[in-house]
């Protein structure tokens, strides 16, 4: 739809005005109608949130997110052992879906059975260099991890947040941390917490040493008290007459 809109943009004349308006409507509609959930993986609430966010992305960044899910795909099958096998038919279908997703979109395609995930960046976004490969790969890993856990809503919303923050950072130069940075910070914090949990803090050693010293002192004191009492007992024993 993006290329169709551009083809008519350079023409003039009343005969094309209606078609131009229709093309513009469909083009914007493709960006706004962000989620086409044929496999019914996402909740209505999650889809609505993406639709709302997509309008903001279109308005401020002239970009969007397009998500399509399918229960199955032509030419894609799963072999014994879990390996996937694709045919030329599948590759042609995949390319066609990505091209129709829009030149200004980050496109996410999900096949339910067998599981398959594609993340593609539209031609104009690539030309603008506002969603480079490093961010696309991060989005791919994020979605794959969540979808493998069957956390489809969470993966979709976190993926949309990554796209939003990346576009904001690269287009506006804002200081808002991108989702990539947030994930890195969270991973570092988790590793630090794990290291702290795997070892006792320095103060805990002093605590145990103190307890041991108190126990030793208590035992020593008890032993001395016992000896003292025993000695007094012997010395105070009355002397018995032998007669």
C-alpha atoms as a PDB file:
ATOM      1  CA  UNK A   1       0.000   0.000   0.000  1.00  0.00           C
ATOM      2  CA  UNK A   2       2.909   2.365   0.605  1.00  0.00           C
ATOM      3  CA  UNK A   3       4.210   2.060  -2.972  1.00  0.00           C
ATOM      4  CA  UNK A   4       0.664   2.422  -4.368  1.00  0.00           C
ATOM      5  CA  UNK A   5       0.225   5.668  -2.457  1.00  0.00           C
ATOM      6  CA  UNK A   6       3.478   7.057  -3.825  1.00  0.00           C
ATOM      7  CA  UNK A   7       2.624   6.164  -7.412  1.00  0.00           C
ATOM      8  CA  UNK A   8      -0.530   8.247  -7.328  1.00  0.00           C
ATOM      9  CA  UNK A   9       1.087  11.065  -5.393  1.00  0.00           C
ATOM     10  CA  UNK A  10       2.923  12.349  -8.430  1.00  0.00           C
ATOM     11  CA  UNK A  11      -0.181  12.530 -10.639  1.00  0.00           C
ATOM     12  CA  UNK A  12      -2.726  15.320 -10.893  1.00  0.00           C
ATOM     13  CA  UNK A  13      -6.272  15.611 -12.171  1.00  0.00           C
ATOM     14  CA  UNK A  14      -9.750  15.107 -10.768  1.00  0.00           C
ATOM     15  CA  UNK A  15      -9.943  11.470 -11.899  1.00  0.00           C
ATOM     16  CA  UNK A  16      -7.293  10.496  -9.356  1.00  0.00           C
ATOM     17  CA  UNK A  17      -8.361  12.614  -6.407  1.00  0.00           C
ATOM     18  CA  UNK A  18     -10.864  10.108  -5.056  1.00  0.00           C
ATOM     19  CA  UNK A  19      -8.463   7.218  -5.509  1.00  0.00           C
ATOM     20  CA  UNK A  20      -5.643   9.240  -3.952  1.00  0.00           C
ATOM     21  CA  UNK A  21      -7.765   9.969  -0.898  1.00  0.00           C
ATOM     22  CA  UNK A  22      -8.769   6.309  -0.645  1.00  0.00           C
ATOM     23  CA  UNK A  23      -5.142   5.215  -0.946  1.00  0.00           C
ATOM     24  CA  UNK A  24      -4.073   7.658   1.762  1.00  0.00           C
ATOM     25  CA  UNK A  25      -6.863   6.398   4.008  1.00  0.00           C
ATOM     26  CA  UNK A  26      -5.900   2.782   3.477  1.00  0.00           C
ATOM     27  CA  UNK A  27      -2.225   3.589   3.956  1.00  0.00           C
ATOM     28  CA  UNK A  28      -2.825   5.316   7.281  1.00  0.00           C
ATOM     29  CA  UNK A  29      -5.347   2.661   8.213  1.00  0.00           C
ATOM     30  CA  UNK A  30      -2.722  -0.026   7.743  1.00  0.00           C
ATOM     31  CA  UNK A  31      -0.504   1.770  10.231  1.00  0.00           C
ATOM     32  CA  UNK A  32      -3.325   2.348  12.708  1.00  0.00           C
ATOM     33  CA  UNK A  33      -4.852  -1.133  12.443  1.00  0.00           C
ATOM     34  CA  UNK A  34      -1.674  -2.504  13.955  1.00  0.00           C
ATOM     35  CA  UNK A  35      -2.688  -6.003  15.043  1.00  0.00           C
ATOM     36  CA  UNK A  36      -4.310  -8.622  12.830  1.00  0.00           C
ATOM     37  CA  UNK A  37      -4.530 -11.521  15.236  1.00  0.00           C
ATOM     38  CA  UNK A  38      -5.806 -14.383  13.085  1.00  0.00           C
ATOM     39  CA  UNK A  39      -4.327 -16.971  15.458  1.00  0.00           C
ATOM     40  CA  UNK A  40      -5.988 -15.293  18.469  1.00  0.00           C
ATOM     41  CA  UNK A  41      -2.817 -15.132  20.521  1.00  0.00           C
ATOM     42  CA  UNK A  42      -3.418 -11.730  22.138  1.00  0.00           C
ATOM     43  CA  UNK A  43      -6.134 -10.411  24.403  1.00  0.00           C
ATOM     44  CA  UNK A  44      -8.457  -7.603  23.238  1.00  0.00           C
ATOM     45  CA  UNK A  45      -6.944  -5.320  25.896  1.00  0.00           C
ATOM     46  CA  UNK A  46      -3.405  -5.839  24.568  1.00  0.00           C
ATOM     47  CA  UNK A  47      -4.519  -5.250  20.980  1.00  0.00           C
ATOM     48  CA  UNK A  48      -6.260  -2.020  21.982  1.00  0.00           C
ATOM     49  CA  UNK A  49      -3.125  -0.725  23.713  1.00  0.00           C
ATOM     50  CA  UNK A  50      -1.082  -1.340  20.563  1.00  0.00           C
ATOM     51  CA  UNK A  51      -3.664   0.422  18.395  1.00  0.00           C
ATOM     52  CA  UNK A  52      -3.546   3.499  20.642  1.00  0.00           C
ATOM     53  CA  UNK A  53       0.249   3.547  20.717  1.00  0.00           C
ATOM     54  CA  UNK A  54       0.414   3.131  16.961  1.00  0.00           C
ATOM     55  CA  UNK A  55      -1.567   6.314  16.413  1.00  0.00           C
ATOM     56  CA  UNK A  56       1.014   8.167  18.496  1.00  0.00           C
ATOM     57  CA  UNK A  57       3.897   6.635  16.550  1.00  0.00           C
ATOM     58  CA  UNK A  58       2.261   7.613  13.267  1.00  0.00           C
ATOM     59  CA  UNK A  59       1.621  11.155  14.435  1.00  0.00           C
ATOM     60  CA  UNK A  60       5.040  11.962  15.880  1.00  0.00           C
ATOM     61  CA  UNK A  61       7.455   9.652  14.084  1.00  0.00           C
ATOM     62  CA  UNK A  62       5.681   8.767  10.811  1.00  0.00           C
ATOM     63  CA  UNK A  63       6.216   5.124  11.722  1.00  0.00           C
ATOM     64  CA  UNK A  64       4.240   2.249  13.161  1.00  0.00           C
ATOM     65  CA  UNK A  65       4.035  -1.363  14.235  1.00  0.00           C
ATOM     66  CA  UNK A  66       2.252  -3.959  12.142  1.00  0.00           C
ATOM     67  CA  UNK A  67       1.572  -7.341  13.725  1.00  0.00           C
ATOM     68  CA  UNK A  68       0.077 -10.362  11.993  1.00  0.00           C
ATOM     69  CA  UNK A  69      -0.505 -13.797  13.464  1.00  0.00           C
ATOM     70  CA  UNK A  70      -1.490 -16.950  11.602  1.00  0.00           C
ATOM     71  CA  UNK A  71      -2.570 -20.355  12.864  1.00  0.00           C
ATOM     72  CA  UNK A  72      -0.436 -21.913  10.105  1.00  0.00           C
ATOM     73  CA  UNK A  73       1.488 -20.860   7.016  1.00  0.00           C
ATOM     74  CA  UNK A  74       1.609 -22.284   3.486  1.00  0.00           C
ATOM     75  CA  UNK A  75       4.719 -24.325   2.833  1.00  0.00           C
ATOM     76  CA  UNK A  76       5.846 -24.417   6.473  1.00  0.00           C
ATOM     77  CA  UNK A  77       5.852 -27.728   8.325  1.00  0.00           C
ATOM     78  CA  UNK A  78       7.443 -29.330  11.350  1.00  0.00           C
ATOM     79  CA  UNK A  79       9.541 -32.434  10.985  1.00  0.00           C
ATOM     80  CA  UNK A  80      10.085 -35.206  13.576  1.00  0.00           C
ATOM     81  CA  UNK A  81      12.331 -33.880  16.321  1.00  0.00           C
ATOM     82  CA  UNK A  82      10.958 -30.344  16.082  1.00  0.00           C
ATOM     83  CA  UNK A  83      12.943 -29.172  13.056  1.00  0.00           C
ATOM     84  CA  UNK A  84      11.083 -26.868  10.675  1.00  0.00           C
ATOM     85  CA  UNK A  85      11.000 -27.290   6.942  1.00  0.00           C
ATOM     86  CA  UNK A  86      10.037 -24.480   4.596  1.00  0.00           C
ATOM     87  CA  UNK A  87       9.433 -24.472   0.878  1.00  0.00           C
ATOM     88  CA  UNK A  88       9.700 -21.866  -1.862  1.00  0.00           C
ATOM     89  CA  UNK A  89       5.986 -21.282  -1.412  1.00  0.00           C
ATOM     90  CA  UNK A  90       6.545 -20.260   2.205  1.00  0.00           C
ATOM     91  CA  UNK A  91       9.432 -17.936   1.352  1.00  0.00           C
ATOM     92  CA  UNK A  92       7.354 -16.247  -1.352  1.00  0.00           C
ATOM     93  CA  UNK A  93       4.414 -15.891   1.027  1.00  0.00           C
ATOM     94  CA  UNK A  94       6.672 -14.485   3.752  1.00  0.00           C
ATOM     95  CA  UNK A  95       8.150 -11.877   1.427  1.00  0.00           C
ATOM     96  CA  UNK A  96       4.696 -10.886   0.226  1.00  0.00           C
ATOM     97  CA  UNK A  97       3.403 -10.388   3.779  1.00  0.00           C
ATOM     98  CA  UNK A  98       6.406  -8.251   4.716  1.00  0.00           C
ATOM     99  CA  UNK A  99       6.033  -6.052   1.620  1.00  0.00           C
ATOM    100  CA  UNK A 100       2.336  -5.488   2.297  1.00  0.00           C
ATOM    101  CA  UNK A 101       3.027  -4.521   5.903  1.00  0.00           C
ATOM    102  CA  UNK A 102       4.100  -1.010   4.917  1.00  0.00           C
ATOM    103  CA  UNK A 103       7.367   0.753   4.240  1.00  0.00           C
ATOM    104  CA  UNK A 104       7.176   2.737   7.488  1.00  0.00           C
ATOM    105  CA  UNK A 105       6.397  -0.164   9.781  1.00  0.00           C
ATOM    106  CA  UNK A 106       8.265  -2.477  12.069  1.00  0.00           C
ATOM    107  CA  UNK A 107       6.569  -5.703  11.017  1.00  0.00           C
ATOM    108  CA  UNK A 108       6.070  -8.689  13.309  1.00  0.00           C
ATOM    109  CA  UNK A 109       4.749 -11.959  11.863  1.00  0.00           C
ATOM    110  CA  UNK A 110       3.918 -14.902  14.108  1.00  0.00           C
ATOM    111  CA  UNK A 111       2.915 -18.397  13.012  1.00  0.00           C
ATOM    112  CA  UNK A 112       1.357 -20.505  15.736  1.00  0.00           C
ATOM    113  CA  UNK A 113       1.887 -24.009  14.342  1.00  0.00           C
ATOM    114  CA  UNK A 114       4.656 -24.730  13.769  1.00  0.00           C
ATOM    115  CA  UNK A 115       6.047 -21.822  15.779  1.00  0.00           C
ATOM    116  CA  UNK A 116       7.695 -19.192  13.586  1.00  0.00           C
ATOM    117  CA  UNK A 117       8.627 -15.557  14.191  1.00  0.00           C
ATOM    118  CA  UNK A 118       9.706 -12.861  11.763  1.00  0.00           C
ATOM    119  CA  UNK A 119      10.689  -9.271  12.536  1.00  0.00           C
ATOM    120  CA  UNK A 120      11.153  -7.034   9.518  1.00  0.00           C
ATOM    121  CA  UNK A 121      11.841  -3.296   9.182  1.00  0.00           C
ATOM    122  CA  UNK A 122      10.132  -1.346   6.401  1.00  0.00           C
ATOM    123  CA  UNK A 123      12.142   0.134   3.557  1.00  0.00           C
ATOM    124  CA  UNK A 124      11.685   3.777   4.542  1.00  0.00           C
ATOM    125  CA  UNK A 125      12.575   3.083   8.167  1.00  0.00           C
ATOM    126  CA  UNK A 126      15.772   1.410   6.983  1.00  0.00           C
ATOM    127  CA  UNK A 127      16.564   4.424   4.808  1.00  0.00           C
ATOM    128  CA  UNK A 128      16.012   6.755   7.768  1.00  0.00           C
ATOM    129  CA  UNK A 129      18.188   4.478   9.941  1.00  0.00           C
ATOM    130  CA  UNK A 130      15.898   4.930  12.940  1.00  0.00           C
ATOM    131  CA  UNK A 131      15.449   1.241  13.764  1.00  0.00           C
ATOM    132  CA  UNK A 132      18.776  -0.413  12.937  1.00  0.00           C
ATOM    133  CA  UNK A 133      19.613  -4.082  12.957  1.00  0.00           C
ATOM    134  CA  UNK A 134      20.866  -4.142  16.538  1.00  0.00           C
ATOM    135  CA  UNK A 135      17.436  -3.017  17.761  1.00  0.00           C
ATOM    136  CA  UNK A 136      15.637  -5.381  15.410  1.00  0.00           C
ATOM    137  CA  UNK A 137      17.662  -8.295  16.777  1.00  0.00           C
ATOM    138  CA  UNK A 138      16.915  -7.206  20.341  1.00  0.00           C
ATOM    139  CA  UNK A 139      13.206  -7.086  19.514  1.00  0.00           C
ATOM    140  CA  UNK A 140      13.445 -10.539  17.950  1.00  0.00           C
ATOM    141  CA  UNK A 141      15.077 -12.034  21.056  1.00  0.00           C
ATOM    142  CA  UNK A 142      12.591 -10.348  23.360  1.00  0.00           C
ATOM    143  CA  UNK A 143       9.555 -11.610  21.457  1.00  0.00           C
ATOM    144  CA  UNK A 144      10.961 -15.114  21.011  1.00  0.00           C
ATOM    145  CA  UNK A 145      11.640 -15.421  24.731  1.00  0.00           C
ATOM    146  CA  UNK A 146       8.186 -14.247  25.781  1.00  0.00           C
ATOM    147  CA  UNK A 147       6.347 -16.258  23.151  1.00  0.00           C
ATOM    148  CA  UNK A 148       8.191 -19.433  24.123  1.00  0.00           C
ATOM    149  CA  UNK A 149       6.865 -18.844  27.645  1.00  0.00           C
ATOM    150  CA  UNK A 150       3.347 -18.391  26.190  1.00  0.00           C
ATOM    151  CA  UNK A 151       3.399 -14.813  27.531  1.00  0.00           C
ATOM    152  CA  UNK A 152       1.990 -13.383  24.315  1.00  0.00           C
ATOM    153  CA  UNK A 153       0.459 -10.201  25.726  1.00  0.00           C
ATOM    154  CA  UNK A 154       3.558  -9.394  27.752  1.00  0.00           C
ATOM    155  CA  UNK A 155       5.823  -9.984  24.782  1.00  0.00           C
ATOM    156  CA  UNK A 156       3.680  -7.832  22.492  1.00  0.00           C
ATOM    157  CA  UNK A 157       3.516  -4.904  24.917  1.00  0.00           C
ATOM    158  CA  UNK A 158       7.208  -5.060  25.816  1.00  0.00           C
ATOM    159  CA  UNK A 159       8.097  -5.286  22.133  1.00  0.00           C
ATOM    160  CA  UNK A 160       5.958  -2.226  21.366  1.00  0.00           C
ATOM    161  CA  UNK A 161       7.704  -0.363  24.203  1.00  0.00           C
ATOM    162  CA  UNK A 162      11.079  -1.224  22.701  1.00  0.00           C
ATOM    163  CA  UNK A 163       9.987   0.120  19.297  1.00  0.00           C
ATOM    164  CA  UNK A 164       8.559   3.295  20.836  1.00  0.00           C
ATOM    165  CA  UNK A 165      11.636   4.046  22.938  1.00  0.00           C
ATOM    166  CA  UNK A 166      14.022   3.329  20.088  1.00  0.00           C
ATOM    167  CA  UNK A 167      12.187   5.648  17.694  1.00  0.00           C
ATOM    168  CA  UNK A 168      11.980   8.334  20.370  1.00  0.00           C
ATOM    169  CA  UNK A 169      15.678   8.089  21.116  1.00  0.00           C
ATOM    170  CA  UNK A 170      16.908   8.004  17.531  1.00  0.00           C
ATOM    171  CA  UNK A 171      14.510  10.537  15.996  1.00  0.00           C
ATOM    172  CA  UNK A 172      14.181  13.088  18.786  1.00  0.00           C
ATOM    173  CA  UNK A 173      17.450  12.429  20.579  1.00  0.00           C
ATOM    174  CA  UNK A 174      15.594  12.278  23.857  1.00  0.00           C
ATOM    175  CA  UNK A 175      17.226  11.143  27.063  1.00  0.00           C
ATOM    176  CA  UNK A 176      14.502   8.597  27.694  1.00  0.00           C
ATOM    177  CA  UNK A 177      16.287   5.250  28.178  1.00  0.00           C
ATOM    178  CA  UNK A 178      15.510   2.788  25.419  1.00  0.00           C
ATOM    179  CA  UNK A 179      14.103  -0.587  26.273  1.00  0.00           C
ATOM    180  CA  UNK A 180      17.445  -2.087  25.281  1.00  0.00           C
ATOM    181  CA  UNK A 181      19.160  -0.023  27.968  1.00  0.00           C
ATOM    182  CA  UNK A 182      16.506  -0.946  30.509  1.00  0.00           C
ATOM    183  CA  UNK A 183      16.981  -4.648  29.793  1.00  0.00           C
ATOM    184  CA  UNK A 184      20.751  -4.249  30.160  1.00  0.00           C
ATOM    185  CA  UNK A 185      20.338  -2.426  33.471  1.00  0.00           C
ATOM    186  CA  UNK A 186      17.914  -5.061  34.752  1.00  0.00           C
ATOM    187  CA  UNK A 187      20.269  -7.887  33.746  1.00  0.00           C
ATOM    188  CA  UNK A 188      23.186  -6.180  35.497  1.00  0.00           C
ATOM    189  CA  UNK A 189      21.091  -5.620  38.630  1.00  0.00           C
ATOM    190  CA  UNK A 190      19.972  -9.269  38.620  1.00  0.00           C
ATOM    191  CA  UNK A 191      23.564 -10.476  38.295  1.00  0.00           C
ATOM    192  CA  UNK A 192      24.661  -8.216  41.147  1.00  0.00           C
ATOM    193  CA  UNK A 193      21.825  -9.503  43.324  1.00  0.00           C
ATOM    194  CA  UNK A 194      22.761 -13.084  42.489  1.00  0.00           C
ATOM    195  CA  UNK A 195      26.375 -12.430  43.476  1.00  0.00           C
ATOM    196  CA  UNK A 196      25.264 -10.851  46.730  1.00  0.00           C
ATOM    197  CA  UNK A 197      22.979 -13.791  47.500  1.00  0.00           C
ATOM    198  CA  UNK A 198      25.744 -16.319  46.802  1.00  0.00           C
ATOM    199  CA  UNK A 199      28.018 -14.884  49.485  1.00  0.00           C
ATOM    200  CA  UNK A 200      27.507 -13.654  53.032  1.00  0.00           C
ATOM    201  CA  UNK A 201      28.092  -9.941  53.504  1.00  0.00           C
ATOM    202  CA  UNK A 202      31.183  -8.997  55.559  1.00  0.00           C
ATOM    203  CA  UNK A 203      29.069  -8.095  58.590  1.00  0.00           C
ATOM    204  CA  UNK A 204      27.684 -11.616  58.834  1.00  0.00           C
ATOM    205  CA  UNK A 205      31.154 -13.060  59.555  1.00  0.00           C
ATOM    206  CA  UNK A 206      31.556 -10.730  62.522  1.00  0.00           C
ATOM    207  CA  UNK A 207      28.124 -11.753  63.708  1.00  0.00           C
ATOM    208  CA  UNK A 208      29.032 -15.451  63.746  1.00  0.00           C
ATOM    209  CA  UNK A 209      32.446 -14.791  65.324  1.00  0.00           C
ATOM    210  CA  UNK A 210      30.744 -12.821  68.075  1.00  0.00           C
ATOM    211  CA  UNK A 211      28.288 -15.642  68.740  1.00  0.00           C
ATOM    212  CA  UNK A 212      31.119 -18.182  68.937  1.00  0.00           C
ATOM    213  CA  UNK A 213      33.106 -16.016  71.374  1.00  0.00           C
ATOM    214  CA  UNK A 214      30.053 -15.546  73.596  1.00  0.00           C
ATOM    215  CA  UNK A 215      29.427 -19.301  73.592  1.00  0.00           C
ATOM    216  CA  UNK A 216      33.053 -20.058  74.480  1.00  0.00           C
ATOM    217  CA  UNK A 217      33.083 -17.447  77.226  1.00  0.00           C
ATOM    218  CA  UNK A 218      29.801 -18.795  78.590  1.00  0.00           C
ATOM    219  CA  UNK A 219      31.148 -22.337  78.656  1.00  0.00           C
ATOM    220  CA  UNK A 220      34.376 -21.179  80.353  1.00  0.00           C
ATOM    221  CA  UNK A 221      32.415 -19.186  82.945  1.00  0.00           C
ATOM    222  CA  UNK A 222      30.071 -22.091  83.664  1.00  0.00           C
ATOM    223  CA  UNK A 223      33.031 -24.457  84.081  1.00  0.00           C
ATOM    224  CA  UNK A 224      34.771 -22.117  86.534  1.00  0.00           C
ATOM    225  CA  UNK A 225      31.601 -21.612  88.553  1.00  0.00           C
ATOM    226  CA  UNK A 226      31.180 -25.371  88.725  1.00  0.00           C
ATOM    227  CA  UNK A 227      34.765 -25.846  89.925  1.00  0.00           C
ATOM    228  CA  UNK A 228      34.375 -23.134  92.543  1.00  0.00           C
ATOM    229  CA  UNK A 229      31.173 -24.644  93.905  1.00  0.00           C
ATOM    230  CA  UNK A 230      32.710 -28.092  93.906  1.00  0.00           C
ATOM    231  CA  UNK A 231      35.755 -26.842  95.883  1.00  0.00           C
ATOM    232  CA  UNK A 232      33.570 -25.102  98.441  1.00  0.00           C
ATOM    233  CA  UNK A 233      31.537 -28.235  98.852  1.00  0.00           C
ATOM    234  CA  UNK A 234      34.593 -30.286  99.670  1.00  0.00           C
ATOM    235  CA  UNK A 235      36.051 -27.779 102.143  1.00  0.00           C
ATOM    236  CA  UNK A 236      32.782 -27.297 104.031  1.00  0.00           C
ATOM    237  CA  UNK A 237      32.102 -30.994 104.572  1.00  0.00           C
ATOM    238  CA  UNK A 238      31.970 -31.745 108.349  1.00  0.00           C
ATOM    239  CA  UNK A 239      34.790 -33.870 109.801  1.00  0.00           C
ATOM    240  CA  UNK A 240      33.380 -37.131 111.127  1.00  0.00           C
ATOM    241  CA  UNK A 241      34.600 -38.588 114.461  1.00  0.00           C
ATOM    242  CA  UNK A 242      36.169 -41.947 114.138  1.00  0.00           C
ATOM    243  CA  UNK A 243      34.614 -43.175 117.419  1.00  0.00           C
END
